[in-house]
Amino acid sequence: MNIAMFQGKNIRKVLYKGEWWFSVVDVIAALTDSESPKRYWSAMKARIEFEDELQLSTICRQLKMPGADGKMYETDCADTEIIFRIIQSIPSPKAEPMKRWLAKVGYERVQEIENPELAAKRMRTLYKLKGYSEDWIELRMRGIVIREELTDEWKNRGVEEPKDYEILTAEISKATFGVTPNEYKTLKGLKRENLRDHMDDFELIFSQLGERASAEIHRTRGSQGVANLKVDVQDGGRIAGDARENLEKKIGRSVVTKKNFLKNAQSTKRLAK
């Protein structure tokens, strides 16, 4: 369980099925002057369900969080999307900055749908602000294109379920690096973060090689269906895996590393002090 901060108030949050879920009463306490956020939430929940037919009672989850006495209690929690929906329904001046921000994000999203180049520019800007180098950003952006081309191939060749995308991705990773994406994240000490945002140049390059090779094998063989695609991605991943192993022999170290951008950034900040 972690604590987020908003306008100087603590917001309890917890990881549930890979996503952050936030205490609804904490958000309400931060955005209203209510002396009883629990009663405010009960009344608000009934109003929203009546007016919008949005069943918050089924969308929200009762997750255990520590109370003021340190004991764990079942607490109404919502993911980011539902929290935003709740914020939009709070008639309080304190909620206005967040509502304006949500409107701005929505407007930018519409712009990006009309002009995808804007999304790429914003992504580059975000990476720069986080401290990534220009060379790394170029690699990362190219990797995104290669990944999208591969997933498009999968979709056109009969992949429908999200689980199947995960299986195929894991097969490429195992053949390329010897570990699945989840195992790789554990190695790097990551939780919800994007694994590839914490890879170095070599890791990104071999990821791209495995995925680009897999896509080309799909096209060459004309494969259809998850079973056949699985064979292809194993072969594509092995091409990248063999190249990785050859490099490791030459440089005398493993490409697969525990290092991640978070730790590197923290180390840089300590040195700067």
C-alpha atoms as a PDB file:
ATOM      1  CA  MET A   1       0.000   0.000   0.000  1.00  0.00           C
ATOM      2  CA  ASN A   2       1.362   3.447  -0.956  1.00  0.00           C
ATOM      3  CA  ILE A   3       0.397   7.056  -0.353  1.00  0.00           C
ATOM      4  CA  ALA A   4      -0.144   9.619  -3.112  1.00  0.00           C
ATOM      5  CA  MET A   5      -0.325  13.344  -2.468  1.00  0.00           C
ATOM      6  CA  PHE A   6      -2.916  15.744  -3.893  1.00  0.00           C
ATOM      7  CA  GLN A   7      -3.226  19.371  -2.765  1.00  0.00           C
ATOM      8  CA  GLY A   8      -1.357  18.484   0.419  1.00  0.00           C
ATOM      9  CA  LYS A   9      -3.701  15.604   1.317  1.00  0.00           C
ATOM     10  CA  ASN A  10      -2.799  11.927   1.563  1.00  0.00           C
ATOM     11  CA  ILE A  11      -4.504   9.603  -0.912  1.00  0.00           C
ATOM     12  CA  ARG A  12      -4.152   5.914  -0.101  1.00  0.00           C
ATOM     13  CA  LYS A  13      -3.542   3.673  -3.095  1.00  0.00           C
ATOM     14  CA  VAL A  14      -2.909  -0.015  -3.638  1.00  0.00           C
ATOM     15  CA  LEU A  15      -1.886  -2.210  -6.569  1.00  0.00           C
ATOM     16  CA  TYR A  16      -4.725  -4.498  -7.655  1.00  0.00           C
ATOM     17  CA  LYS A  17      -4.386  -6.705 -10.748  1.00  0.00           C
ATOM     18  CA  GLY A  18      -1.507  -4.584 -11.996  1.00  0.00           C
ATOM     19  CA  GLU A  19      -3.324  -1.241 -11.682  1.00  0.00           C
ATOM     20  CA  TRP A  20      -3.326   1.481  -9.028  1.00  0.00           C
ATOM     21  CA  TRP A  21      -6.603   1.753  -7.116  1.00  0.00           C
ATOM     22  CA  PHE A  22      -7.273   4.801  -4.943  1.00  0.00           C
ATOM     23  CA  SER A  23      -9.337   5.334  -1.802  1.00  0.00           C
ATOM     24  CA  VAL A  24     -12.476   7.172  -2.910  1.00  0.00           C
ATOM     25  CA  VAL A  25     -13.106   8.803   0.484  1.00  0.00           C
ATOM     26  CA  ASP A  26      -9.523  10.142   0.496  1.00  0.00           C
ATOM     27  CA  VAL A  27     -10.068  11.767  -2.897  1.00  0.00           C
ATOM     28  CA  ILE A  28     -13.358  13.264  -1.697  1.00  0.00           C
ATOM     29  CA  ALA A  29     -11.690  14.553   1.481  1.00  0.00           C
ATOM     30  CA  ALA A  30      -9.025  16.260  -0.647  1.00  0.00           C
ATOM     31  CA  LEU A  31     -11.501  17.868  -3.039  1.00  0.00           C
ATOM     32  CA  THR A  32     -14.370  18.901  -0.758  1.00  0.00           C
ATOM     33  CA  ASP A  33     -14.938  20.609   2.582  1.00  0.00           C
ATOM     34  CA  SER A  34     -17.096  17.747   3.805  1.00  0.00           C
ATOM     35  CA  GLU A  35     -16.753  16.930   7.506  1.00  0.00           C
ATOM     36  CA  SER A  36     -17.735  13.340   6.697  1.00  0.00           C
ATOM     37  CA  PRO A  37     -16.267  12.142   3.374  1.00  0.00           C
ATOM     38  CA  LYS A  38     -17.872   8.714   3.916  1.00  0.00           C
ATOM     39  CA  ARG A  39     -21.400  10.177   4.073  1.00  0.00           C
ATOM     40  CA  TYR A  40     -20.586  12.472   1.141  1.00  0.00           C
ATOM     41  CA  TRP A  41     -19.486   9.439  -0.883  1.00  0.00           C
ATOM     42  CA  SER A  42     -22.618   7.445   0.002  1.00  0.00           C
ATOM     43  CA  ALA A  43     -24.908  10.272  -1.107  1.00  0.00           C
ATOM     44  CA  MET A  44     -22.854  10.969  -4.210  1.00  0.00           C
ATOM     45  CA  LYS A  45     -22.797   7.312  -5.205  1.00  0.00           C
ATOM     46  CA  ALA A  46     -26.591   7.105  -5.002  1.00  0.00           C
ATOM     47  CA  ARG A  47     -26.974  10.325  -7.024  1.00  0.00           C
ATOM     48  CA  ILE A  48     -24.611   9.231  -9.811  1.00  0.00           C
ATOM     49  CA  GLU A  49     -26.223   5.812 -10.079  1.00  0.00           C
ATOM     50  CA  PHE A  50     -29.677   7.426 -10.307  1.00  0.00           C
ATOM     51  CA  GLU A  51     -28.784  10.203 -12.782  1.00  0.00           C
ATOM     52  CA  ASP A  52     -26.262   8.404 -15.025  1.00  0.00           C
ATOM     53  CA  GLU A  53     -27.169   4.748 -14.490  1.00  0.00           C
ATOM     54  CA  LEU A  54     -23.486   4.208 -13.715  1.00  0.00           C
ATOM     55  CA  GLN A  55     -23.277   1.391 -11.174  1.00  0.00           C
ATOM     56  CA  LEU A  56     -20.383   2.644  -9.055  1.00  0.00           C
ATOM     57  CA  SER A  57     -21.130   0.021  -6.442  1.00  0.00           C
ATOM     58  CA  THR A  58     -20.146  -2.678  -8.943  1.00  0.00           C
ATOM     59  CA  ILE A  59     -17.300  -0.782 -10.643  1.00  0.00           C
ATOM     60  CA  CYS A  60     -15.549   0.151  -7.394  1.00  0.00           C
ATOM     61  CA  ARG A  61     -13.784  -2.499  -5.343  1.00  0.00           C
ATOM     62  CA  GLN A  62     -13.598  -3.100  -1.615  1.00  0.00           C
ATOM     63  CA  LEU A  63      -9.861  -3.392  -0.982  1.00  0.00           C
ATOM     64  CA  LYS A  64      -8.058  -3.552   2.353  1.00  0.00           C
ATOM     65  CA  MET A  65      -6.298  -0.383   3.452  1.00  0.00           C
ATOM     66  CA  PRO A  66      -4.961   0.778   6.814  1.00  0.00           C
ATOM     67  CA  GLY A  67      -7.215   3.038   8.859  1.00  0.00           C
ATOM     68  CA  ALA A  68      -6.168   5.785  11.281  1.00  0.00           C
ATOM     69  CA  ASP A  69      -5.646   3.127  13.962  1.00  0.00           C
ATOM     70  CA  GLY A  70      -3.267   1.162  11.738  1.00  0.00           C
ATOM     71  CA  LYS A  71      -5.671  -1.761  11.282  1.00  0.00           C
ATOM     72  CA  MET A  72      -6.695  -2.986   7.832  1.00  0.00           C
ATOM     73  CA  TYR A  73     -10.241  -2.212   6.685  1.00  0.00           C
ATOM     74  CA  GLU A  74     -12.263  -2.892   3.531  1.00  0.00           C
ATOM     75  CA  THR A  75     -12.290   0.446   1.700  1.00  0.00           C
ATOM     76  CA  ASP A  76     -14.121   1.634  -1.419  1.00  0.00           C
ATOM     77  CA  CYS A  77     -11.462   1.996  -4.114  1.00  0.00           C
ATOM     78  CA  ALA A  78     -11.533   2.991  -7.781  1.00  0.00           C
ATOM     79  CA  ASP A  79      -9.042   2.829 -10.631  1.00  0.00           C
ATOM     80  CA  THR A  80      -7.787   5.935 -12.415  1.00  0.00           C
ATOM     81  CA  GLU A  81     -10.605   6.076 -14.973  1.00  0.00           C
ATOM     82  CA  ILE A  82     -13.388   5.845 -12.390  1.00  0.00           C
ATOM     83  CA  ILE A  83     -11.622   8.276 -10.037  1.00  0.00           C
ATOM     84  CA  PHE A  84     -11.642  10.819 -12.878  1.00  0.00           C
ATOM     85  CA  ARG A  85     -15.365  10.167 -13.416  1.00  0.00           C
ATOM     86  CA  ILE A  86     -16.010  10.712  -9.712  1.00  0.00           C
ATOM     87  CA  ILE A  87     -13.984  13.943  -9.706  1.00  0.00           C
ATOM     88  CA  GLN A  88     -16.068  15.279 -12.591  1.00  0.00           C
ATOM     89  CA  SER A  89     -19.186  14.786 -10.443  1.00  0.00           C
ATOM     90  CA  ILE A  90     -17.879  16.711  -7.423  1.00  0.00           C
ATOM     91  CA  PRO A  91     -19.427  20.229  -7.292  1.00  0.00           C
ATOM     92  CA  SER A  92     -16.581  21.835  -5.389  1.00  0.00           C
ATOM     93  CA  PRO A  93     -14.196  24.696  -6.285  1.00  0.00           C
ATOM     94  CA  LYS A  94     -11.325  22.481  -5.129  1.00  0.00           C
ATOM     95  CA  ALA A  95     -12.149  20.030  -7.910  1.00  0.00           C
ATOM     96  CA  GLU A  96     -12.066  22.659 -10.664  1.00  0.00           C
ATOM     97  CA  PRO A  97      -8.284  22.521 -11.361  1.00  0.00           C
ATOM     98  CA  MET A  98      -8.527  18.759 -11.855  1.00  0.00           C
ATOM     99  CA  LYS A  99     -11.617  19.144 -14.073  1.00  0.00           C
ATOM    100  CA  ARG A 100      -9.802  21.702 -16.239  1.00  0.00           C
ATOM    101  CA  TRP A 101      -6.828  19.365 -16.506  1.00  0.00           C
ATOM    102  CA  LEU A 102      -9.106  16.487 -17.545  1.00  0.00           C
ATOM    103  CA  ALA A 103     -10.699  18.681 -20.206  1.00  0.00           C
ATOM    104  CA  LYS A 104      -7.241  19.629 -21.523  1.00  0.00           C
ATOM    105  CA  VAL A 105      -6.162  15.975 -21.656  1.00  0.00           C
ATOM    106  CA  GLY A 106      -9.375  15.061 -23.485  1.00  0.00           C
ATOM    107  CA  TYR A 107      -8.850  17.855 -26.017  1.00  0.00           C
ATOM    108  CA  GLU A 108      -5.248  16.753 -26.614  1.00  0.00           C
ATOM    109  CA  ARG A 109      -6.409  13.177 -27.124  1.00  0.00           C
ATOM    110  CA  VAL A 110      -8.873  14.295 -29.823  1.00  0.00           C
ATOM    111  CA  GLN A 111      -6.041  16.238 -31.486  1.00  0.00           C
ATOM    112  CA  GLU A 112      -3.817  13.152 -31.445  1.00  0.00           C
ATOM    113  CA  ILE A 113      -6.525  11.020 -33.078  1.00  0.00           C
ATOM    114  CA  GLU A 114      -6.801  13.591 -35.872  1.00  0.00           C
ATOM    115  CA  ASN A 115      -3.011  14.018 -36.148  1.00  0.00           C
ATOM    116  CA  PRO A 116      -0.969  11.058 -34.755  1.00  0.00           C
ATOM    117  CA  GLU A 117       2.273  13.042 -35.163  1.00  0.00           C
ATOM    118  CA  LEU A 118       1.205  15.150 -32.179  1.00  0.00           C
ATOM    119  CA  ALA A 119       1.171  12.037 -29.977  1.00  0.00           C
ATOM    120  CA  ALA A 120       4.722  11.194 -31.053  1.00  0.00           C
ATOM    121  CA  LYS A 121       5.900  14.756 -30.342  1.00  0.00           C
ATOM    122  CA  ARG A 122       4.308  14.747 -26.898  1.00  0.00           C
ATOM    123  CA  MET A 123       5.876  11.391 -26.141  1.00  0.00           C
ATOM    124  CA  ARG A 124       9.328  12.689 -27.107  1.00  0.00           C
ATOM    125  CA  THR A 125       8.813  15.718 -24.885  1.00  0.00           C
ATOM    126  CA  LEU A 126       7.797  13.546 -21.917  1.00  0.00           C
ATOM    127  CA  TYR A 127      10.873  11.348 -22.310  1.00  0.00           C
ATOM    128  CA  LYS A 128      13.114  14.423 -22.499  1.00  0.00           C
ATOM    129  CA  LEU A 129      11.563  15.840 -19.337  1.00  0.00           C
ATOM    130  CA  LYS A 130      12.252  12.549 -17.567  1.00  0.00           C
ATOM    131  CA  GLY A 131      15.930  12.818 -18.505  1.00  0.00           C
ATOM    132  CA  TYR A 132      16.299  10.304 -21.325  1.00  0.00           C
ATOM    133  CA  SER A 133      18.965  10.990 -23.978  1.00  0.00           C
ATOM    134  CA  GLU A 134      18.110  11.852 -27.582  1.00  0.00           C
ATOM    135  CA  ASP A 135      19.715   8.623 -28.850  1.00  0.00           C
ATOM    136  CA  TRP A 136      17.709   6.512 -26.413  1.00  0.00           C
ATOM    137  CA  ILE A 137      14.486   8.298 -27.368  1.00  0.00           C
ATOM    138  CA  GLU A 138      15.122   7.571 -31.054  1.00  0.00           C
ATOM    139  CA  LEU A 139      15.584   3.872 -30.275  1.00  0.00           C
ATOM    140  CA  ARG A 140      12.489   3.790 -28.091  1.00  0.00           C
ATOM    141  CA  MET A 141      10.320   5.509 -30.691  1.00  0.00           C
ATOM    142  CA  ARG A 142      11.505   3.131 -33.402  1.00  0.00           C
ATOM    143  CA  GLY A 143      10.741   0.212 -31.106  1.00  0.00           C
ATOM    144  CA  ILE A 144       7.170   1.449 -30.659  1.00  0.00           C
ATOM    145  CA  VAL A 145       6.672   1.453 -34.433  1.00  0.00           C
ATOM    146  CA  ILE A 146       8.085  -2.070 -34.764  1.00  0.00           C
ATOM    147  CA  ARG A 147       5.885  -3.292 -31.921  1.00  0.00           C
ATOM    148  CA  GLU A 148       2.754  -1.801 -33.508  1.00  0.00           C
ATOM    149  CA  GLU A 149       3.594  -3.429 -36.846  1.00  0.00           C
ATOM    150  CA  LEU A 150       3.943  -6.788 -35.115  1.00  0.00           C
ATOM    151  CA  THR A 151       0.689  -6.543 -33.161  1.00  0.00           C
ATOM    152  CA  ASP A 152      -1.091  -5.495 -36.369  1.00  0.00           C
ATOM    153  CA  GLU A 153       0.232  -8.679 -37.981  1.00  0.00           C
ATOM    154  CA  TRP A 154      -1.083 -10.712 -35.067  1.00  0.00           C
ATOM    155  CA  LYS A 155      -4.500  -9.091 -35.293  1.00  0.00           C
ATOM    156  CA  ASN A 156      -4.697  -9.729 -39.047  1.00  0.00           C
ATOM    157  CA  ARG A 157      -3.645 -13.345 -38.522  1.00  0.00           C
ATOM    158  CA  GLY A 158      -6.332 -14.314 -36.033  1.00  0.00           C
ATOM    159  CA  VAL A 159      -5.190 -13.099 -32.606  1.00  0.00           C
ATOM    160  CA  GLU A 160      -8.150 -11.710 -30.652  1.00  0.00           C
ATOM    161  CA  GLU A 161      -7.718 -12.281 -26.920  1.00  0.00           C
ATOM    162  CA  PRO A 162      -5.403 -10.003 -24.855  1.00  0.00           C
ATOM    163  CA  LYS A 163      -4.029 -13.136 -23.201  1.00  0.00           C
ATOM    164  CA  ASP A 164      -2.808 -14.424 -26.583  1.00  0.00           C
ATOM    165  CA  TYR A 165      -0.914 -11.161 -27.203  1.00  0.00           C
ATOM    166  CA  GLU A 166       0.733 -11.640 -23.805  1.00  0.00           C
ATOM    167  CA  ILE A 167       1.634 -15.260 -24.604  1.00  0.00           C
ATOM    168  CA  LEU A 168       3.228 -14.371 -27.946  1.00  0.00           C
ATOM    169  CA  THR A 169       5.121 -11.462 -26.386  1.00  0.00           C
ATOM    170  CA  ALA A 170       6.394 -13.735 -23.607  1.00  0.00           C
ATOM    171  CA  GLU A 171       7.595 -16.303 -26.160  1.00  0.00           C
ATOM    172  CA  ILE A 172       9.661 -13.692 -28.015  1.00  0.00           C
ATOM    173  CA  SER A 173      11.122 -12.426 -24.739  1.00  0.00           C
ATOM    174  CA  LYS A 174      12.044 -15.911 -23.520  1.00  0.00           C
ATOM    175  CA  ALA A 175      13.764 -16.732 -26.809  1.00  0.00           C
ATOM    176  CA  THR A 176      15.539 -13.349 -26.939  1.00  0.00           C
ATOM    177  CA  PHE A 177      16.536 -12.807 -23.303  1.00  0.00           C
ATOM    178  CA  GLY A 178      15.828 -16.101 -21.535  1.00  0.00           C
ATOM    179  CA  VAL A 179      13.128 -14.526 -19.350  1.00  0.00           C
ATOM    180  CA  THR A 180       9.492 -13.481 -19.747  1.00  0.00           C
ATOM    181  CA  PRO A 181       8.555  -9.776 -19.472  1.00  0.00           C
ATOM    182  CA  ASN A 182       7.220 -10.340 -15.935  1.00  0.00           C
ATOM    183  CA  GLU A 183      10.438 -12.091 -14.904  1.00  0.00           C
ATOM    184  CA  TYR A 184      12.424  -9.282 -16.515  1.00  0.00           C
ATOM    185  CA  LYS A 185      10.476  -6.665 -14.542  1.00  0.00           C
ATOM    186  CA  THR A 186      11.138  -8.581 -11.331  1.00  0.00           C
ATOM    187  CA  LEU A 187      14.845  -8.669 -12.176  1.00  0.00           C
ATOM    188  CA  LYS A 188      14.881  -4.904 -12.623  1.00  0.00           C
ATOM    189  CA  GLY A 189      12.811  -4.271  -9.494  1.00  0.00           C
ATOM    190  CA  LEU A 190       9.866  -2.851 -11.446  1.00  0.00           C
ATOM    191  CA  LYS A 191       6.171  -3.173 -10.649  1.00  0.00           C
ATOM    192  CA  ARG A 192       3.708  -1.265 -12.817  1.00  0.00           C
ATOM    193  CA  GLU A 193       6.334   0.605 -14.849  1.00  0.00           C
ATOM    194  CA  ASN A 194       6.786  -0.053 -18.560  1.00  0.00           C
ATOM    195  CA  LEU A 195       9.650  -2.527 -18.920  1.00  0.00           C
ATOM    196  CA  ARG A 196      11.029  -1.008 -22.115  1.00  0.00           C
ATOM    197  CA  ASP A 197      11.258   2.422 -20.532  1.00  0.00           C
ATOM    198  CA  HIS A 198      13.887   0.848 -18.284  1.00  0.00           C
ATOM    199  CA  MET A 199      15.950  -0.955 -20.901  1.00  0.00           C
ATOM    200  CA  ASP A 200      19.317   0.254 -22.132  1.00  0.00           C
ATOM    201  CA  ASP A 201      20.352   0.527 -25.797  1.00  0.00           C
ATOM    202  CA  PHE A 202      21.342  -3.128 -26.230  1.00  0.00           C
ATOM    203  CA  GLU A 203      18.171  -4.408 -24.574  1.00  0.00           C
ATOM    204  CA  LEU A 204      16.026  -2.222 -26.829  1.00  0.00           C
ATOM    205  CA  ILE A 205      17.936  -3.239 -29.949  1.00  0.00           C
ATOM    206  CA  PHE A 206      17.529  -6.967 -29.302  1.00  0.00           C
ATOM    207  CA  SER A 207      13.857  -6.483 -28.418  1.00  0.00           C
ATOM    208  CA  GLN A 208      13.364  -4.781 -31.763  1.00  0.00           C
ATOM    209  CA  LEU A 209      15.314  -7.482 -33.619  1.00  0.00           C
ATOM    210  CA  GLY A 210      13.203 -10.270 -32.118  1.00  0.00           C
ATOM    211  CA  GLU A 211       9.934  -8.518 -32.950  1.00  0.00           C
ATOM    212  CA  ARG A 212      10.959  -7.350 -36.417  1.00  0.00           C
ATOM    213  CA  ALA A 213      12.226 -10.851 -37.293  1.00  0.00           C
ATOM    214  CA  SER A 214       8.985 -12.407 -36.023  1.00  0.00           C
ATOM    215  CA  ALA A 215       6.856 -10.086 -38.158  1.00  0.00           C
ATOM    216  CA  GLU A 216       8.889 -10.913 -41.256  1.00  0.00           C
ATOM    217  CA  ILE A 217       8.634 -14.649 -40.575  1.00  0.00           C
ATOM    218  CA  HIS A 218       4.841 -14.304 -40.258  1.00  0.00           C
ATOM    219  CA  ARG A 219       4.696 -12.664 -43.678  1.00  0.00           C
ATOM    220  CA  THR A 220       7.063 -15.163 -45.299  1.00  0.00           C
ATOM    221  CA  ARG A 221       5.208 -18.202 -43.969  1.00  0.00           C
ATOM    222  CA  GLY A 222       1.729 -16.715 -44.217  1.00  0.00           C
ATOM    223  CA  SER A 223       0.985 -18.082 -40.736  1.00  0.00           C
ATOM    224  CA  GLN A 224      -2.522 -17.967 -39.298  1.00  0.00           C
ATOM    225  CA  GLY A 225      -3.750 -18.719 -35.779  1.00  0.00           C
ATOM    226  CA  VAL A 226      -2.058 -18.471 -32.401  1.00  0.00           C
ATOM    227  CA  ALA A 227      -0.448 -21.931 -32.550  1.00  0.00           C
ATOM    228  CA  ASN A 228       1.404 -21.189 -35.802  1.00  0.00           C
ATOM    229  CA  LEU A 229       2.268 -17.652 -34.770  1.00  0.00           C
ATOM    230  CA  LYS A 230       3.767 -19.037 -31.573  1.00  0.00           C
ATOM    231  CA  VAL A 231       6.196 -21.146 -33.599  1.00  0.00           C
ATOM    232  CA  ASP A 232       7.125 -18.080 -35.659  1.00  0.00           C
ATOM    233  CA  VAL A 233       7.841 -15.841 -32.678  1.00  0.00           C
ATOM    234  CA  GLN A 234       9.971 -18.532 -31.064  1.00  0.00           C
ATOM    235  CA  ASP A 235      12.058 -18.597 -34.238  1.00  0.00           C
ATOM    236  CA  GLY A 236      12.171 -14.805 -34.431  1.00  0.00           C
ATOM    237  CA  GLY A 237      13.147 -14.540 -30.791  1.00  0.00           C
ATOM    238  CA  ARG A 238      15.917 -17.107 -31.237  1.00  0.00           C
ATOM    239  CA  ILE A 239      17.436 -14.996 -34.011  1.00  0.00           C
ATOM    240  CA  ALA A 240      17.708 -12.112 -31.534  1.00  0.00           C
ATOM    241  CA  GLY A 241      18.778 -14.491 -28.741  1.00  0.00           C
ATOM    242  CA  ASP A 242      21.640 -15.912 -30.787  1.00  0.00           C
ATOM    243  CA  ALA A 243      22.796 -12.392 -31.686  1.00  0.00           C
ATOM    244  CA  ARG A 244      22.640 -11.393 -28.006  1.00  0.00           C
ATOM    245  CA  GLU A 245      24.693 -14.411 -26.922  1.00  0.00           C
ATOM    246  CA  ASN A 246      27.333 -13.690 -29.591  1.00  0.00           C
ATOM    247  CA  LEU A 247      27.635 -10.105 -28.372  1.00  0.00           C
ATOM    248  CA  GLU A 248      27.894 -11.211 -24.756  1.00  0.00           C
ATOM    249  CA  LYS A 249      30.811 -13.485 -25.638  1.00  0.00           C
ATOM    250  CA  LYS A 250      32.624 -10.568 -27.275  1.00  0.00           C
ATOM    251  CA  ILE A 251      32.017  -7.992 -24.527  1.00  0.00           C
ATOM    252  CA  GLY A 252      32.316 -10.391 -21.589  1.00  0.00           C
ATOM    253  CA  ARG A 253      29.110  -9.434 -19.826  1.00  0.00           C
ATOM    254  CA  SER A 254      25.393 -10.110 -19.924  1.00  0.00           C
ATOM    255  CA  VAL A 255      23.083  -7.831 -21.880  1.00  0.00           C
ATOM    256  CA  VAL A 256      20.251  -8.799 -19.538  1.00  0.00           C
ATOM    257  CA  THR A 257      20.788  -6.481 -16.583  1.00  0.00           C
ATOM    258  CA  LYS A 258      19.182  -5.415 -13.309  1.00  0.00           C
ATOM    259  CA  LYS A 259      19.830  -1.785 -14.174  1.00  0.00           C
ATOM    260  CA  ASN A 260      16.830   0.420 -14.851  1.00  0.00           C
ATOM    261  CA  PHE A 261      16.197   4.071 -15.534  1.00  0.00           C
ATOM    262  CA  LEU A 262      14.691   4.691 -12.095  1.00  0.00           C
ATOM    263  CA  LYS A 263      17.861   3.574 -10.310  1.00  0.00           C
ATOM    264  CA  ASN A 264      20.100   5.425 -12.762  1.00  0.00           C
ATOM    265  CA  ALA A 265      18.090   8.628 -12.294  1.00  0.00           C
ATOM    266  CA  GLN A 266      18.230   8.290  -8.498  1.00  0.00           C
ATOM    267  CA  SER A 267      22.004   7.727  -8.634  1.00  0.00           C
ATOM    268  CA  THR A 268      22.448  10.812 -10.805  1.00  0.00           C
ATOM    269  CA  LYS A 269      20.442  12.941  -8.364  1.00  0.00           C
ATOM    270  CA  ARG A 270      22.574  11.719  -5.423  1.00  0.00           C
ATOM    271  CA  LEU A 271      25.782  12.567  -7.321  1.00  0.00           C
ATOM    272  CA  ALA A 272      24.398  16.013  -8.201  1.00  0.00           C
ATOM    273  CA  LYS A 273      23.913  16.742  -4.499  1.00  0.00           C
END
